[in-house]
Amino acid sequence: KLWITKIGYDILHRTSSIKLQTEVGDFKLLSRRVVTYLLQLKEKNPFMRGLVLWVGFNQVTITYNREARFAGETKFRIFSLAVISNFFSSALVSFSSVPLQLASVLGGLSAV
């Protein structure tokens, strides 16, 4: 899971203006003001990690030691189509100009 996540975030870092923290969890404590602002965006498939950073409110990172999993197995399927398409539709399309540039180039080439 870790290496595929790192590849995804590396792509996002190279193609986006936002710089996400790596090696952090997705746990967030948001003020009502931030939640209200995020809800006003009316995102269809929100990439919360990116949106919270993008809206520009102050953030604080709290460091903690994560214990190994006590029981059970992860349900995160690395190579599932849903995971890959969700990353591309929510993170890459929302925070990168590369898909728009690619569409423009392909549109220009198909017009020739």
PDB file of N, CA and C in Angstrom:
ATOM      1  N   LYS A   1       0.831  -1.193   0.000  1.00  0.00           N
ATOM      2  CA  LYS A   1       0.000   0.000   0.000  1.00  0.00           C
ATOM      3  C   LYS A   1       0.868   1.245   0.000  1.00  0.00           C
ATOM      4  N   LEU A   2       1.933   1.247   0.770  1.00  0.00           N
ATOM      5  CA  LEU A   2       2.723   2.465   0.923  1.00  0.00           C
ATOM      6  C   LEU A   2       3.370   2.913  -0.374  1.00  0.00           C
ATOM      7  N   TRP A   3       3.920   1.983  -1.154  1.00  0.00           N
ATOM      8  CA  TRP A   3       4.621   2.408  -2.363  1.00  0.00           C
ATOM      9  C   TRP A   3       3.673   2.954  -3.409  1.00  0.00           C
ATOM     10  N   ILE A   4       2.471   2.386  -3.542  1.00  0.00           N
ATOM     11  CA  ILE A   4       1.519   2.899  -4.527  1.00  0.00           C
ATOM     12  C   ILE A   4       1.000   4.264  -4.101  1.00  0.00           C
ATOM     13  N   THR A   5       0.831   4.455  -2.806  1.00  0.00           N
ATOM     14  CA  THR A   5       0.414   5.761  -2.290  1.00  0.00           C
ATOM     15  C   THR A   5       1.494   6.795  -2.547  1.00  0.00           C
ATOM     16  N   LYS A   6       2.742   6.422  -2.322  1.00  0.00           N
ATOM     17  CA  LYS A   6       3.853   7.349  -2.570  1.00  0.00           C
ATOM     18  C   LYS A   6       3.928   7.742  -4.039  1.00  0.00           C
ATOM     19  N   ILE A   7       3.693   6.796  -4.930  1.00  0.00           N
ATOM     20  CA  ILE A   7       3.706   7.103  -6.364  1.00  0.00           C
ATOM     21  C   ILE A   7       2.586   8.092  -6.700  1.00  0.00           C
ATOM     22  N   GLY A   8       1.408   7.847  -6.163  1.00  0.00           N
ATOM     23  CA  GLY A   8       0.276   8.742  -6.411  1.00  0.00           C
ATOM     24  C   GLY A   8       0.548  10.151  -5.921  1.00  0.00           C
ATOM     25  N   TYR A   9       1.085  10.269  -4.710  1.00  0.00           N
ATOM     26  CA  TYR A   9       1.381  11.601  -4.177  1.00  0.00           C
ATOM     27  C   TYR A   9       2.549  12.247  -4.906  1.00  0.00           C
ATOM     28  N   ASP A  10       3.481  11.456  -5.384  1.00  0.00           N
ATOM     29  CA  ASP A  10       4.586  12.011  -6.163  1.00  0.00           C
ATOM     30  C   ASP A  10       4.058  12.625  -7.461  1.00  0.00           C
ATOM     31  N   ILE A  11       3.143  11.933  -8.114  1.00  0.00           N
ATOM     32  CA  ILE A  11       2.521  12.474  -9.326  1.00  0.00           C
ATOM     33  C   ILE A  11       1.801  13.776  -8.999  1.00  0.00           C
ATOM     34  N   LEU A  12       1.060  13.783  -7.903  1.00  0.00           N
ATOM     35  CA  LEU A  12       0.323  14.983  -7.508  1.00  0.00           C
ATOM     36  C   LEU A  12       1.265  16.134  -7.177  1.00  0.00           C
ATOM     37  N   HIS A  13       2.362  15.850  -6.476  1.00  0.00           N
ATOM     38  CA  HIS A  13       3.333  16.903  -6.144  1.00  0.00           C
ATOM     39  C   HIS A  13       3.966  17.497  -7.395  1.00  0.00           C
ATOM     40  N   ARG A  14       4.238  16.657  -8.382  1.00  0.00           N
ATOM     41  CA  ARG A  14       4.900  17.130  -9.604  1.00  0.00           C
ATOM     42  C   ARG A  14       3.964  17.923 -10.517  1.00  0.00           C
ATOM     43  N   THR A  15       2.666  17.682 -10.409  1.00  0.00           N
ATOM     44  CA  THR A  15       1.726  18.296 -11.346  1.00  0.00           C
ATOM     45  C   THR A  15       0.788  19.313 -10.714  1.00  0.00           C
ATOM     46  N   SER A  16       0.966  19.604  -9.442  1.00  0.00           N
ATOM     47  CA  SER A  16       0.018  20.446  -8.724  1.00  0.00           C
ATOM     48  C   SER A  16       0.721  21.569  -7.984  1.00  0.00           C
ATOM     49  N   SER A  17      -0.038  22.598  -7.672  1.00  0.00           N
ATOM     50  CA  SER A  17       0.520  23.702  -6.890  1.00  0.00           C
ATOM     51  C   SER A  17       0.417  23.437  -5.389  1.00  0.00           C
ATOM     52  N   ILE A  18      -0.424  22.499  -4.978  1.00  0.00           N
ATOM     53  CA  ILE A  18      -0.524  22.197  -3.551  1.00  0.00           C
ATOM     54  C   ILE A  18       0.539  21.174  -3.172  1.00  0.00           C
ATOM     55  N   LYS A  19       1.060  21.302  -1.979  1.00  0.00           N
ATOM     56  CA  LYS A  19       2.088  20.383  -1.495  1.00  0.00           C
ATOM     57  C   LYS A  19       1.555  19.662  -0.261  1.00  0.00           C
ATOM     58  N   LEU A  20       1.113  18.452  -0.463  1.00  0.00           N
ATOM     59  CA  LEU A  20       0.556  17.652   0.621  1.00  0.00           C
ATOM     60  C   LEU A  20       1.657  17.070   1.491  1.00  0.00           C
ATOM     61  N   GLN A  21       1.351  16.940   2.776  1.00  0.00           N
ATOM     62  CA  GLN A  21       2.279  16.253   3.670  1.00  0.00           C
ATOM     63  C   GLN A  21       2.191  14.760   3.379  1.00  0.00           C
ATOM     64  N   THR A  22       3.328  14.108   3.433  1.00  0.00           N
ATOM     65  CA  THR A  22       3.332  12.657   3.276  1.00  0.00           C
ATOM     66  C   THR A  22       3.559  12.036   4.646  1.00  0.00           C
ATOM     67  N   GLU A  23       3.300  10.758   4.736  1.00  0.00           N
ATOM     68  CA  GLU A  23       3.484  10.027   5.993  1.00  0.00           C
ATOM     69  C   GLU A  23       2.601  10.574   7.115  1.00  0.00           C
ATOM     70  N   VAL A  24       1.405  11.053   6.764  1.00  0.00           N
ATOM     71  CA  VAL A  24       0.462  11.529   7.776  1.00  0.00           C
ATOM     72  C   VAL A  24      -0.877  10.831   7.563  1.00  0.00           C
ATOM     73  N   GLY A  25      -1.646  10.729   8.628  1.00  0.00           N
ATOM     74  CA  GLY A  25      -2.961  10.106   8.538  1.00  0.00           C
ATOM     75  C   GLY A  25      -4.004  11.068   7.998  1.00  0.00           C
ATOM     76  N   ASP A  26      -5.188  10.563   7.775  1.00  0.00           N
ATOM     77  CA  ASP A  26      -6.284  11.391   7.273  1.00  0.00           C
ATOM     78  C   ASP A  26      -7.220  11.854   8.381  1.00  0.00           C
ATOM     79  N   PHE A  27      -6.823  11.702   9.624  1.00  0.00           N
ATOM     80  CA  PHE A  27      -7.665  12.145  10.724  1.00  0.00           C
ATOM     81  C   PHE A  27      -7.631  13.662  10.780  1.00  0.00           C
ATOM     82  N   LYS A  28      -8.808  14.281  10.888  1.00  0.00           N
ATOM     83  CA  LYS A  28      -8.856  15.733  10.919  1.00  0.00           C
ATOM     84  C   LYS A  28      -9.892  16.189  11.937  1.00  0.00           C
ATOM     85  N   LEU A  29      -9.573  17.259  12.629  1.00  0.00           N
ATOM     86  CA  LEU A  29     -10.514  17.947  13.501  1.00  0.00           C
ATOM     87  C   LEU A  29     -10.691  19.320  12.875  1.00  0.00           C
ATOM     88  N   LEU A  30     -11.883  19.585  12.348  1.00  0.00           N
ATOM     89  CA  LEU A  30     -12.136  20.819  11.617  1.00  0.00           C
ATOM     90  C   LEU A  30     -13.099  21.706  12.389  1.00  0.00           C
ATOM     91  N   SER A  31     -12.862  23.004  12.335  1.00  0.00           N
ATOM     92  CA  SER A  31     -13.789  23.943  12.967  1.00  0.00           C
ATOM     93  C   SER A  31     -15.053  24.044  12.116  1.00  0.00           C
ATOM     94  N   ARG A  32     -16.124  24.540  12.705  1.00  0.00           N
ATOM     95  CA  ARG A  32     -17.381  24.714  11.980  1.00  0.00           C
ATOM     96  C   ARG A  32     -17.168  25.641  10.782  1.00  0.00           C
ATOM     97  N   ARG A  33     -16.342  26.663  10.944  1.00  0.00           N
ATOM     98  CA  ARG A  33     -16.063  27.621   9.871  1.00  0.00           C
ATOM     99  C   ARG A  33     -15.457  26.914   8.649  1.00  0.00           C
ATOM    100  N   VAL A  34     -14.512  26.022   8.885  1.00  0.00           N
ATOM    101  CA  VAL A  34     -13.870  25.283   7.790  1.00  0.00           C
ATOM    102  C   VAL A  34     -14.870  24.334   7.138  1.00  0.00           C
ATOM    103  N   VAL A  35     -15.647  23.625   7.942  1.00  0.00           N
ATOM    104  CA  VAL A  35     -16.644  22.686   7.410  1.00  0.00           C
ATOM    105  C   VAL A  35     -17.659  23.429   6.543  1.00  0.00           C
ATOM    106  N   THR A  36     -18.140  24.569   7.030  1.00  0.00           N
ATOM    107  CA  THR A  36     -19.103  25.365   6.266  1.00  0.00           C
ATOM    108  C   THR A  36     -18.507  25.780   4.928  1.00  0.00           C
ATOM    109  N   TYR A  37     -17.271  26.219   4.946  1.00  0.00           N
ATOM    110  CA  TYR A  37     -16.594  26.638   3.715  1.00  0.00           C
ATOM    111  C   TYR A  37     -16.451  25.467   2.741  1.00  0.00           C
ATOM    112  N   LEU A  38     -16.032  24.316   3.255  1.00  0.00           N
ATOM    113  CA  LEU A  38     -15.859  23.134   2.401  1.00  0.00           C
ATOM    114  C   LEU A  38     -17.189  22.673   1.799  1.00  0.00           C
ATOM    115  N   LEU A  39     -18.256  22.746   2.581  1.00  0.00           N
ATOM    116  CA  LEU A  39     -19.567  22.342   2.073  1.00  0.00           C
ATOM    117  C   LEU A  39     -20.068  23.284   0.981  1.00  0.00           C
ATOM    118  N   GLN A  40     -19.686  24.545   1.057  1.00  0.00           N
ATOM    119  CA  GLN A  40     -20.088  25.514   0.034  1.00  0.00           C
ATOM    120  C   GLN A  40     -19.434  25.219  -1.315  1.00  0.00           C
ATOM    121  N   LEU A  41     -18.338  24.482  -1.317  1.00  0.00           N
ATOM    122  CA  LEU A  41     -17.662  24.148  -2.568  1.00  0.00           C
ATOM    123  C   LEU A  41     -18.463  23.161  -3.410  1.00  0.00           C
ATOM    124  N   LYS A  42     -19.335  22.389  -2.759  1.00  0.00           N
ATOM    125  CA  LYS A  42     -20.209  21.419  -3.438  1.00  0.00           C
ATOM    126  C   LYS A  42     -19.444  20.478  -4.374  1.00  0.00           C
ATOM    127  N   GLU A  43     -18.319  19.983  -3.896  1.00  0.00           N
ATOM    128  CA  GLU A  43     -17.518  19.030  -4.675  1.00  0.00           C
ATOM    129  C   GLU A  43     -18.264  17.708  -4.788  1.00  0.00           C
ATOM    130  N   LYS A  44     -18.262  17.133  -5.974  1.00  0.00           N
ATOM    131  CA  LYS A  44     -18.935  15.854  -6.191  1.00  0.00           C
ATOM    132  C   LYS A  44     -18.135  14.700  -5.587  1.00  0.00           C
ATOM    133  N   ASN A  45     -16.836  14.667  -5.823  1.00  0.00           N
ATOM    134  CA  ASN A  45     -15.934  13.657  -5.263  1.00  0.00           C
ATOM    135  C   ASN A  45     -14.798  14.377  -4.544  1.00  0.00           C
ATOM    136  N   PRO A  46     -15.035  14.839  -3.331  1.00  0.00           N
ATOM    137  CA  PRO A  46     -14.011  15.663  -2.672  1.00  0.00           C
ATOM    138  C   PRO A  46     -12.767  14.865  -2.288  1.00  0.00           C
ATOM    139  N   PHE A  47     -11.621  15.433  -2.583  1.00  0.00           N
ATOM    140  CA  PHE A  47     -10.338  14.905  -2.127  1.00  0.00           C
ATOM    141  C   PHE A  47      -9.990  15.737  -0.895  1.00  0.00           C
ATOM    142  N   MET A  48     -10.458  15.273   0.260  1.00  0.00           N
ATOM    143  CA  MET A  48     -10.413  16.081   1.479  1.00  0.00           C
ATOM    144  C   MET A  48      -9.005  16.509   1.863  1.00  0.00           C
ATOM    145  N   ARG A  49      -8.041  15.635   1.706  1.00  0.00           N
ATOM    146  CA  ARG A  49      -6.671  15.984   2.079  1.00  0.00           C
ATOM    147  C   ARG A  49      -6.207  17.214   1.293  1.00  0.00           C
ATOM    148  N   GLY A  50      -6.540  17.271   0.024  1.00  0.00           N
ATOM    149  CA  GLY A  50      -6.168  18.409  -0.807  1.00  0.00           C
ATOM    150  C   GLY A  50      -7.033  19.624  -0.552  1.00  0.00           C
ATOM    151  N   LEU A  51      -8.345  19.420  -0.407  1.00  0.00           N
ATOM    152  CA  LEU A  51      -9.253  20.548  -0.204  1.00  0.00           C
ATOM    153  C   LEU A  51      -8.960  21.305   1.079  1.00  0.00           C
ATOM    154  N   VAL A  52      -8.717  20.582   2.153  1.00  0.00           N
ATOM    155  CA  VAL A  52      -8.449  21.238   3.438  1.00  0.00           C
ATOM    156  C   VAL A  52      -7.202  22.102   3.337  1.00  0.00           C
ATOM    157  N   LEU A  53      -6.211  21.647   2.633  1.00  0.00           N
ATOM    158  CA  LEU A  53      -4.997  22.440   2.429  1.00  0.00           C
ATOM    159  C   LEU A  53      -5.267  23.609   1.485  1.00  0.00           C
ATOM    160  N   TRP A  54      -6.003  23.365   0.429  1.00  0.00           N
ATOM    161  CA  TRP A  54      -6.251  24.354  -0.618  1.00  0.00           C
ATOM    162  C   TRP A  54      -7.040  25.566  -0.129  1.00  0.00           C
ATOM    163  N   VAL A  55      -8.014  25.365   0.780  1.00  0.00           N
ATOM    164  CA  VAL A  55      -8.844  26.488   1.228  1.00  0.00           C
ATOM    165  C   VAL A  55      -8.060  27.488   2.064  1.00  0.00           C
ATOM    166  N   GLY A  56      -6.914  27.097   2.600  1.00  0.00           N
ATOM    167  CA  GLY A  56      -5.992  28.055   3.189  1.00  0.00           C
ATOM    168  C   GLY A  56      -6.137  28.371   4.665  1.00  0.00           C
ATOM    169  N   PHE A  57      -6.948  27.654   5.394  1.00  0.00           N
ATOM    170  CA  PHE A  57      -7.049  27.896   6.829  1.00  0.00           C
ATOM    171  C   PHE A  57      -5.801  27.365   7.526  1.00  0.00           C
ATOM    172  N   ASN A  58      -5.496  27.914   8.694  1.00  0.00           N
ATOM    173  CA  ASN A  58      -4.332  27.454   9.463  1.00  0.00           C
ATOM    174  C   ASN A  58      -4.518  25.998   9.869  1.00  0.00           C
ATOM    175  N   GLN A  59      -3.413  25.257   9.848  1.00  0.00           N
ATOM    176  CA  GLN A  59      -3.441  23.852  10.240  1.00  0.00           C
ATOM    177  C   GLN A  59      -2.321  23.568  11.224  1.00  0.00           C
ATOM    178  N   VAL A  60      -2.553  22.602  12.067  1.00  0.00           N
ATOM    179  CA  VAL A  60      -1.543  22.143  13.014  1.00  0.00           C
ATOM    180  C   VAL A  60      -1.444  20.628  12.871  1.00  0.00           C
ATOM    181  N   THR A  61      -0.232  20.121  12.810  1.00  0.00           N
ATOM    182  CA  THR A  61      -0.015  18.678  12.746  1.00  0.00           C
ATOM    183  C   THR A  61       0.326  18.181  14.141  1.00  0.00           C
ATOM    184  N   ILE A  62      -0.330  17.129  14.550  1.00  0.00           N
ATOM    185  CA  ILE A  62      -0.066  16.524  15.857  1.00  0.00           C
ATOM    186  C   ILE A  62       0.636  15.196  15.613  1.00  0.00           C
ATOM    187  N   THR A  63       1.822  15.052  16.155  1.00  0.00           N
ATOM    188  CA  THR A  63       2.604  13.833  15.977  1.00  0.00           C
ATOM    189  C   THR A  63       2.182  12.791  17.016  1.00  0.00           C
ATOM    190  N   TYR A  64       2.057  11.560  16.578  1.00  0.00           N
ATOM    191  CA  TYR A  64       1.738  10.468  17.490  1.00  0.00           C
ATOM    192  C   TYR A  64       2.382   9.193  16.968  1.00  0.00           C
ATOM    193  N   ASN A  65       2.550   8.225  17.835  1.00  0.00           N
ATOM    194  CA  ASN A  65       3.098   6.925  17.450  1.00  0.00           C
ATOM    195  C   ASN A  65       1.940   5.973  17.193  1.00  0.00           C
ATOM    196  N   ARG A  66       1.903   5.438  15.992  1.00  0.00           N
ATOM    197  CA  ARG A  66       0.825   4.524  15.635  1.00  0.00           C
ATOM    198  C   ARG A  66       1.260   3.098  15.921  1.00  0.00           C
ATOM    199  N   GLU A  67       0.485   2.427  16.715  1.00  0.00           N
ATOM    200  CA  GLU A  67       0.751   1.025  17.043  1.00  0.00           C
ATOM    201  C   GLU A  67       0.428   0.151  15.828  1.00  0.00           C
ATOM    202  N   ALA A  68       1.008  -1.013  15.792  1.00  0.00           N
ATOM    203  CA  ALA A  68       0.704  -1.975  14.733  1.00  0.00           C
ATOM    204  C   ALA A  68      -0.761  -2.393  14.846  1.00  0.00           C
ATOM    205  N   ARG A  69      -1.325  -2.828  13.741  1.00  0.00           N
ATOM    206  CA  ARG A  69      -2.727  -3.255  13.727  1.00  0.00           C
ATOM    207  C   ARG A  69      -2.926  -4.365  14.759  1.00  0.00           C
ATOM    208  N   PHE A  70      -3.936  -4.209  15.622  1.00  0.00           N
ATOM    209  CA  PHE A  70      -4.209  -5.170  16.684  1.00  0.00           C
ATOM    210  C   PHE A  70      -4.834  -6.442  16.126  1.00  0.00           C
ATOM    211  N   ALA A  71      -5.794  -6.292  15.218  1.00  0.00           N
ATOM    212  CA  ALA A  71      -6.486  -7.460  14.667  1.00  0.00           C
ATOM    213  C   ALA A  71      -7.042  -7.116  13.294  1.00  0.00           C
ATOM    214  N   GLY A  72      -7.333  -8.141  12.535  1.00  0.00           N
ATOM    215  CA  GLY A  72      -7.943  -7.939  11.228  1.00  0.00           C
ATOM    216  C   GLY A  72      -6.928  -7.579  10.160  1.00  0.00           C
ATOM    217  N   GLU A  73      -7.449  -7.354   8.972  1.00  0.00           N
ATOM    218  CA  GLU A  73      -6.610  -7.009   7.826  1.00  0.00           C
ATOM    219  C   GLU A  73      -7.164  -5.764   7.162  1.00  0.00           C
ATOM    220  N   THR A  74      -6.299  -5.060   6.457  1.00  0.00           N
ATOM    221  CA  THR A  74      -6.737  -3.863   5.753  1.00  0.00           C
ATOM    222  C   THR A  74      -7.741  -4.216   4.662  1.00  0.00           C
ATOM    223  N   LYS A  75      -8.674  -3.337   4.439  1.00  0.00           N
ATOM    224  CA  LYS A  75      -9.651  -3.514   3.360  1.00  0.00           C
ATOM    225  C   LYS A  75      -9.270  -2.663   2.153  1.00  0.00           C
ATOM    226  N   PHE A  76      -8.134  -1.975   2.234  1.00  0.00           N
ATOM    227  CA  PHE A  76      -7.664  -1.108   1.160  1.00  0.00           C
ATOM    228  C   PHE A  76      -7.118  -1.968   0.039  1.00  0.00           C
ATOM    229  N   ARG A  77      -7.775  -1.930  -1.119  1.00  0.00           N
ATOM    230  CA  ARG A  77      -7.332  -2.707  -2.278  1.00  0.00           C
ATOM    231  C   ARG A  77      -6.540  -1.787  -3.186  1.00  0.00           C
ATOM    232  N   ILE A  78      -5.245  -1.979  -3.220  1.00  0.00           N
ATOM    233  CA  ILE A  78      -4.333  -1.088  -3.932  1.00  0.00           C
ATOM    234  C   ILE A  78      -4.675  -0.968  -5.409  1.00  0.00           C
ATOM    235  N   PHE A  79      -4.873  -2.074  -6.069  1.00  0.00           N
ATOM    236  CA  PHE A  79      -5.045  -2.048  -7.512  1.00  0.00           C
ATOM    237  C   PHE A  79      -6.505  -2.092  -7.947  1.00  0.00           C
ATOM    238  N   SER A  80      -7.426  -1.739  -7.060  1.00  0.00           N
ATOM    239  CA  SER A  80      -8.822  -1.752  -7.478  1.00  0.00           C
ATOM    240  C   SER A  80      -9.086  -0.566  -8.395  1.00  0.00           C
ATOM    241  N   LEU A  81      -9.941  -0.767  -9.357  1.00  0.00           N
ATOM    242  CA  LEU A  81     -10.285   0.291 -10.300  1.00  0.00           C
ATOM    243  C   LEU A  81     -10.903   1.473  -9.568  1.00  0.00           C
ATOM    244  N   ALA A  82     -11.669   1.205  -8.514  1.00  0.00           N
ATOM    245  CA  ALA A  82     -12.310   2.282  -7.756  1.00  0.00           C
ATOM    246  C   ALA A  82     -11.276   3.186  -7.099  1.00  0.00           C
ATOM    247  N   VAL A  83     -10.243   2.613  -6.509  1.00  0.00           N
ATOM    248  CA  VAL A  83      -9.199   3.406  -5.850  1.00  0.00           C
ATOM    249  C   VAL A  83      -8.455   4.253  -6.865  1.00  0.00           C
ATOM    250  N   ILE A  84      -8.068   3.659  -7.972  1.00  0.00           N
ATOM    251  CA  ILE A  84      -7.310   4.384  -8.999  1.00  0.00           C
ATOM    252  C   ILE A  84      -8.168   5.469  -9.637  1.00  0.00           C
ATOM    253  N   SER A  85      -9.401   5.144  -9.994  1.00  0.00           N
ATOM    254  CA  SER A  85     -10.258   6.148 -10.633  1.00  0.00           C
ATOM    255  C   SER A  85     -10.630   7.253  -9.661  1.00  0.00           C
ATOM    256  N   ASN A  86     -10.801   6.934  -8.377  1.00  0.00           N
ATOM    257  CA  ASN A  86     -11.100   7.967  -7.386  1.00  0.00           C
ATOM    258  C   ASN A  86      -9.930   8.930  -7.249  1.00  0.00           C
ATOM    259  N   PHE A  87      -8.711   8.401  -7.244  1.00  0.00           N
ATOM    260  CA  PHE A  87      -7.541   9.276  -7.155  1.00  0.00           C
ATOM    261  C   PHE A  87      -7.490  10.211  -8.352  1.00  0.00           C
ATOM    262  N   PHE A  88      -7.666   9.657  -9.553  1.00  0.00           N
ATOM    263  CA  PHE A  88      -7.580  10.488 -10.753  1.00  0.00           C
ATOM    264  C   PHE A  88      -8.738  11.473 -10.852  1.00  0.00           C
ATOM    265  N   SER A  89      -9.955  11.028 -10.515  1.00  0.00           N
ATOM    266  CA  SER A  89     -11.103  11.928 -10.667  1.00  0.00           C
ATOM    267  C   SER A  89     -11.166  12.985  -9.584  1.00  0.00           C
ATOM    268  N   SER A  90     -10.723  12.676  -8.386  1.00  0.00           N
ATOM    269  CA  SER A  90     -10.830  13.671  -7.318  1.00  0.00           C
ATOM    270  C   SER A  90      -9.538  14.438  -7.094  1.00  0.00           C
ATOM    271  N   ALA A  91      -8.429  13.772  -6.996  1.00  0.00           N
ATOM    272  CA  ALA A  91      -7.174  14.454  -6.669  1.00  0.00           C
ATOM    273  C   ALA A  91      -6.503  15.066  -7.888  1.00  0.00           C
ATOM    274  N   LEU A  92      -6.226  14.266  -8.870  1.00  0.00           N
ATOM    275  CA  LEU A  92      -5.445  14.740 -10.012  1.00  0.00           C
ATOM    276  C   LEU A  92      -6.216  15.753 -10.856  1.00  0.00           C
ATOM    277  N   VAL A  93      -7.472  15.482 -11.129  1.00  0.00           N
ATOM    278  CA  VAL A  93      -8.259  16.407 -11.946  1.00  0.00           C
ATOM    279  C   VAL A  93      -8.527  17.707 -11.196  1.00  0.00           C
ATOM    280  N   SER A  94      -8.755  17.625  -9.891  1.00  0.00           N
ATOM    281  CA  SER A  94      -9.073  18.826  -9.115  1.00  0.00           C
ATOM    282  C   SER A  94      -7.877  19.725  -8.869  1.00  0.00           C
ATOM    283  N   PHE A  95      -6.697  19.163  -8.704  1.00  0.00           N
ATOM    284  CA  PHE A  95      -5.559  19.957  -8.251  1.00  0.00           C
ATOM    285  C   PHE A  95      -4.397  20.016  -9.234  1.00  0.00           C
ATOM    286  N   SER A  96      -4.607  19.594 -10.460  1.00  0.00           N
ATOM    287  CA  SER A  96      -3.530  19.601 -11.439  1.00  0.00           C
ATOM    288  C   SER A  96      -4.039  20.124 -12.776  1.00  0.00           C
ATOM    289  N   SER A  97      -3.189  20.831 -13.484  1.00  0.00           N
ATOM    290  CA  SER A  97      -3.563  21.327 -14.814  1.00  0.00           C
ATOM    291  C   SER A  97      -3.202  20.318 -15.910  1.00  0.00           C
ATOM    292  N   VAL A  98      -2.527  19.246 -15.554  1.00  0.00           N
ATOM    293  CA  VAL A  98      -2.085  18.260 -16.545  1.00  0.00           C
ATOM    294  C   VAL A  98      -3.254  17.642 -17.329  1.00  0.00           C
ATOM    295  N   PRO A  99      -4.352  17.208 -16.696  1.00  0.00           N
ATOM    296  CA  PRO A  99      -5.444  16.644 -17.496  1.00  0.00           C
ATOM    297  C   PRO A  99      -6.004  17.643 -18.518  1.00  0.00           C
ATOM    298  N   LEU A 100      -6.108  18.911 -18.141  1.00  0.00           N
ATOM    299  CA  LEU A 100      -6.596  19.930 -19.067  1.00  0.00           C
ATOM    300  C   LEU A 100      -5.612  20.143 -20.214  1.00  0.00           C
ATOM    301  N   GLN A 101      -4.331  20.172 -19.888  1.00  0.00           N
ATOM    302  CA  GLN A 101      -3.311  20.332 -20.924  1.00  0.00           C
ATOM    303  C   GLN A 101      -3.313  19.134 -21.873  1.00  0.00           C
ATOM    304  N   LEU A 102      -3.438  17.940 -21.311  1.00  0.00           N
ATOM    305  CA  LEU A 102      -3.480  16.721 -22.124  1.00  0.00           C
ATOM    306  C   LEU A 102      -4.695  16.726 -23.047  1.00  0.00           C
ATOM    307  N   ALA A 103      -5.850  17.119 -22.519  1.00  0.00           N
ATOM    308  CA  ALA A 103      -7.064  17.189 -23.336  1.00  0.00           C
ATOM    309  C   ALA A 103      -6.904  18.212 -24.459  1.00  0.00           C
ATOM    310  N   SER A 104      -6.251  19.324 -24.163  1.00  0.00           N
ATOM    311  CA  SER A 104      -6.027  20.354 -25.186  1.00  0.00           C
ATOM    312  C   SER A 104      -5.124  19.834 -26.301  1.00  0.00           C
ATOM    313  N   VAL A 105      -4.054  19.154 -25.922  1.00  0.00           N
ATOM    314  CA  VAL A 105      -3.131  18.601 -26.919  1.00  0.00           C
ATOM    315  C   VAL A 105      -3.835  17.545 -27.766  1.00  0.00           C
ATOM    316  N   LEU A 106      -4.559  16.641 -27.115  1.00  0.00           N
ATOM    317  CA  LEU A 106      -5.273  15.594 -27.858  1.00  0.00           C
ATOM    318  C   LEU A 106      -6.348  16.191 -28.761  1.00  0.00           C
ATOM    319  N   GLY A 107      -7.027  17.229 -28.275  1.00  0.00           N
ATOM    320  CA  GLY A 107      -8.030  17.906 -29.095  1.00  0.00           C
ATOM    321  C   GLY A 107      -7.394  18.567 -30.307  1.00  0.00           C
ATOM    322  N   GLY A 108      -6.250  19.201 -30.086  1.00  0.00           N
ATOM    323  CA  GLY A 108      -5.530  19.835 -31.192  1.00  0.00           C
ATOM    324  C   GLY A 108      -5.047  18.821 -32.213  1.00  0.00           C
ATOM    325  N   LEU A 109      -4.544  17.697 -31.733  1.00  0.00           N
ATOM    326  CA  LEU A 109      -4.061  16.650 -32.638  1.00  0.00           C
ATOM    327  C   LEU A 109      -5.202  16.015 -33.432  1.00  0.00           C
ATOM    328  N   SER A 110      -6.351  15.859 -32.794  1.00  0.00           N
ATOM    329  CA  SER A 110      -7.476  15.231 -33.498  1.00  0.00           C
ATOM    330  C   SER A 110      -8.100  16.177 -34.523  1.00  0.00           C
ATOM    331  N   ALA A 111      -7.862  17.480 -34.376  1.00  0.00           N
ATOM    332  CA  ALA A 111      -8.401  18.455 -35.326  1.00  0.00           C
ATOM    333  C   ALA A 111      -7.570  18.518 -36.603  1.00  0.00           C
ATOM    334  N   VAL A 112      -6.352  17.987 -36.530  1.00  0.00           N
ATOM    335  CA  VAL A 112      -5.451  18.062 -37.694  1.00  0.00           C
ATOM    336  C   VAL A 112      -5.777  17.017 -38.719  1.00  0.00           C
TER     337      VAL A 112
END
